[in-house]
Amino acid sequence: MSSNKGVSQLIFVFWPRRRLRILTDEEARLIEHFRTLSEADRVAMRYLTSAFKEVSRF
């Protein structure tokens, strides 16, 4: 990882137990990509990830 971190790499994620952690490089990259999507595509991604959570066995 380069010493030059993007803003999304410094974002902390809240978990149900209120623990904080720094995003991985892959998570930061996905957030940056998500931000470039149109609003309609963002809504579609939210529905898709919600559907994945509902059918996931984990």
N, C-alpha and C. Protein backbone atom coordinates (compact mmCIF):
# COMPACT_ATOMS: atom_id res chain seq x y z
N MET A 1 0.85 -1.18 0.00
CA MET A 1 0.00 0.00 0.00
C MET A 1 0.89 1.24 0.00
N SER A 2 0.54 2.18 -0.80
CA SER A 2 1.35 3.38 -0.86
C SER A 2 1.11 4.24 0.38
N SER A 3 2.06 5.12 0.65
CA SER A 3 1.92 5.98 1.82
C SER A 3 0.89 7.08 1.58
N ASN A 4 0.51 7.28 0.33
CA ASN A 4 -0.48 8.28 -0.02
C ASN A 4 -1.86 7.62 0.00
N LYS A 5 -2.63 7.84 1.06
CA LYS A 5 -3.93 7.19 1.19
C LYS A 5 -5.04 8.12 0.72
N GLY A 6 -6.02 7.52 0.05
CA GLY A 6 -7.20 8.27 -0.35
C GLY A 6 -8.11 8.47 0.85
N VAL A 7 -9.07 9.36 0.69
CA VAL A 7 -9.99 9.66 1.78
C VAL A 7 -10.76 8.42 2.20
N SER A 8 -11.17 7.61 1.21
CA SER A 8 -11.98 6.44 1.55
C SER A 8 -11.20 5.40 2.32
N GLN A 9 -9.88 5.40 2.22
CA GLN A 9 -9.08 4.45 2.97
C GLN A 9 -9.00 4.82 4.44
N LEU A 10 -9.33 6.03 4.76
CA LEU A 10 -9.26 6.48 6.14
C LEU A 10 -10.62 6.46 6.83
N ILE A 11 -11.63 6.01 6.08
CA ILE A 11 -12.98 5.94 6.65
C ILE A 11 -13.06 4.76 7.61
N PHE A 12 -13.66 4.97 8.74
CA PHE A 12 -13.87 3.90 9.70
C PHE A 12 -15.25 3.31 9.49
N VAL A 13 -15.33 2.01 9.68
CA VAL A 13 -16.59 1.31 9.50
C VAL A 13 -17.14 0.92 10.87
N PHE A 14 -18.40 1.22 11.11
CA PHE A 14 -19.03 0.84 12.37
C PHE A 14 -19.63 -0.55 12.22
N TRP A 15 -19.30 -1.41 13.13
CA TRP A 15 -19.87 -2.76 13.18
C TRP A 15 -20.91 -2.78 14.28
N PRO A 16 -21.79 -3.79 14.28
CA PRO A 16 -22.84 -3.82 15.30
C PRO A 16 -22.32 -3.70 16.73
N ARG A 17 -21.13 -4.16 17.00
CA ARG A 17 -20.57 -4.07 18.35
C ARG A 17 -19.84 -2.76 18.58
N ARG A 18 -19.99 -1.84 17.64
CA ARG A 18 -19.39 -0.50 17.73
C ARG A 18 -17.86 -0.53 17.69
N ARG A 19 -17.29 -1.59 17.13
CA ARG A 19 -15.83 -1.61 16.95
C ARG A 19 -15.50 -0.88 15.65
N LEU A 20 -14.38 -0.22 15.61
CA LEU A 20 -13.94 0.50 14.43
C LEU A 20 -12.79 -0.23 13.77
N ARG A 21 -12.71 -0.09 12.46
CA ARG A 21 -11.56 -0.61 11.74
C ARG A 21 -11.33 0.23 10.49
N ILE A 22 -10.12 0.20 9.99
CA ILE A 22 -9.78 0.92 8.77
C ILE A 22 -10.08 0.01 7.59
N LEU A 23 -10.62 0.60 6.52
CA LEU A 23 -10.96 -0.18 5.35
C LEU A 23 -9.72 -0.77 4.69
N THR A 24 -9.88 -1.96 4.09
CA THR A 24 -8.79 -2.56 3.33
C THR A 24 -8.67 -1.80 2.00
N ASP A 25 -7.59 -2.05 1.30
CA ASP A 25 -7.40 -1.41 0.00
C ASP A 25 -8.53 -1.77 -0.97
N GLU A 26 -8.96 -3.02 -0.94
CA GLU A 26 -10.02 -3.46 -1.85
C GLU A 26 -11.35 -2.77 -1.50
N GLU A 27 -11.66 -2.67 -0.21
CA GLU A 27 -12.89 -1.99 0.22
C GLU A 27 -12.85 -0.52 -0.18
N ALA A 28 -11.72 0.12 -0.02
CA ALA A 28 -11.57 1.53 -0.39
C ALA A 28 -11.74 1.71 -1.90
N ARG A 29 -11.18 0.78 -2.67
CA ARG A 29 -11.31 0.83 -4.13
C ARG A 29 -12.77 0.68 -4.54
N LEU A 30 -13.49 -0.22 -3.89
CA LEU A 30 -14.91 -0.43 -4.21
C LEU A 30 -15.75 0.81 -3.87
N ILE A 31 -15.43 1.46 -2.77
CA ILE A 31 -16.15 2.68 -2.41
C ILE A 31 -15.89 3.78 -3.42
N GLU A 32 -14.65 3.92 -3.83
CA GLU A 32 -14.32 4.94 -4.84
C GLU A 32 -15.08 4.66 -6.14
N HIS A 33 -15.15 3.40 -6.53
CA HIS A 33 -15.89 3.02 -7.75
C HIS A 33 -17.38 3.31 -7.57
N PHE A 34 -17.92 2.97 -6.39
CA PHE A 34 -19.34 3.22 -6.10
C PHE A 34 -19.67 4.70 -6.23
N ARG A 35 -18.78 5.55 -5.78
CA ARG A 35 -19.02 7.00 -5.84
C ARG A 35 -19.07 7.53 -7.26
N THR A 36 -18.46 6.82 -8.22
CA THR A 36 -18.48 7.27 -9.61
C THR A 36 -19.76 6.86 -10.34
N LEU A 37 -20.57 5.99 -9.73
CA LEU A 37 -21.79 5.52 -10.38
C LEU A 37 -22.88 6.59 -10.36
N SER A 38 -23.80 6.46 -11.31
CA SER A 38 -24.96 7.36 -11.32
C SER A 38 -25.87 7.00 -10.15
N GLU A 39 -26.79 7.88 -9.82
CA GLU A 39 -27.69 7.63 -8.70
C GLU A 39 -28.53 6.37 -8.95
N ALA A 40 -28.99 6.17 -10.17
CA ALA A 40 -29.79 4.97 -10.49
C ALA A 40 -28.95 3.70 -10.28
N ASP A 41 -27.69 3.75 -10.68
CA ASP A 41 -26.81 2.59 -10.50
C ASP A 41 -26.52 2.35 -9.02
N ARG A 42 -26.40 3.43 -8.25
CA ARG A 42 -26.18 3.28 -6.80
C ARG A 42 -27.37 2.58 -6.14
N VAL A 43 -28.57 2.99 -6.52
CA VAL A 43 -29.77 2.36 -5.98
C VAL A 43 -29.80 0.89 -6.36
N ALA A 44 -29.49 0.58 -7.61
CA ALA A 44 -29.47 -0.81 -8.07
C ALA A 44 -28.45 -1.62 -7.27
N MET A 45 -27.29 -1.04 -6.99
CA MET A 45 -26.27 -1.75 -6.21
C MET A 45 -26.74 -2.00 -4.79
N ARG A 46 -27.45 -1.04 -4.21
CA ARG A 46 -27.99 -1.23 -2.86
C ARG A 46 -28.98 -2.39 -2.82
N TYR A 47 -29.87 -2.45 -3.83
CA TYR A 47 -30.82 -3.57 -3.90
C TYR A 47 -30.09 -4.90 -4.08
N LEU A 48 -29.07 -4.91 -4.92
CA LEU A 48 -28.31 -6.13 -5.18
C LEU A 48 -27.59 -6.62 -3.93
N THR A 49 -26.93 -5.72 -3.23
CA THR A 49 -26.21 -6.15 -2.02
C THR A 49 -27.19 -6.56 -0.92
N SER A 50 -28.34 -5.92 -0.88
CA SER A 50 -29.36 -6.33 0.09
C SER A 50 -29.86 -7.74 -0.23
N ALA A 51 -30.05 -8.03 -1.50
CA ALA A 51 -30.50 -9.37 -1.90
C ALA A 51 -29.44 -10.41 -1.56
N PHE A 52 -28.16 -10.08 -1.76
CA PHE A 52 -27.08 -11.00 -1.40
C PHE A 52 -27.10 -11.31 0.10
N LYS A 53 -27.32 -10.29 0.91
CA LYS A 53 -27.35 -10.49 2.36
C LYS A 53 -28.50 -11.39 2.76
N GLU A 54 -29.65 -11.25 2.10
CA GLU A 54 -30.82 -12.05 2.44
C GLU A 54 -30.66 -13.52 2.09
N VAL A 55 -29.93 -13.82 1.02
CA VAL A 55 -29.80 -15.23 0.60
C VAL A 55 -28.49 -15.86 1.05
N SER A 56 -27.63 -15.08 1.68
CA SER A 56 -26.34 -15.59 2.11
C SER A 56 -26.51 -16.56 3.27
N ARG A 57 -25.69 -17.59 3.29
CA ARG A 57 -25.71 -18.57 4.37
C ARG A 57 -24.82 -18.14 5.53
N PHE A 58 -24.04 -17.10 5.33
CA PHE A 58 -23.06 -16.70 6.34
C PHE A 58 -23.62 -15.69 7.27
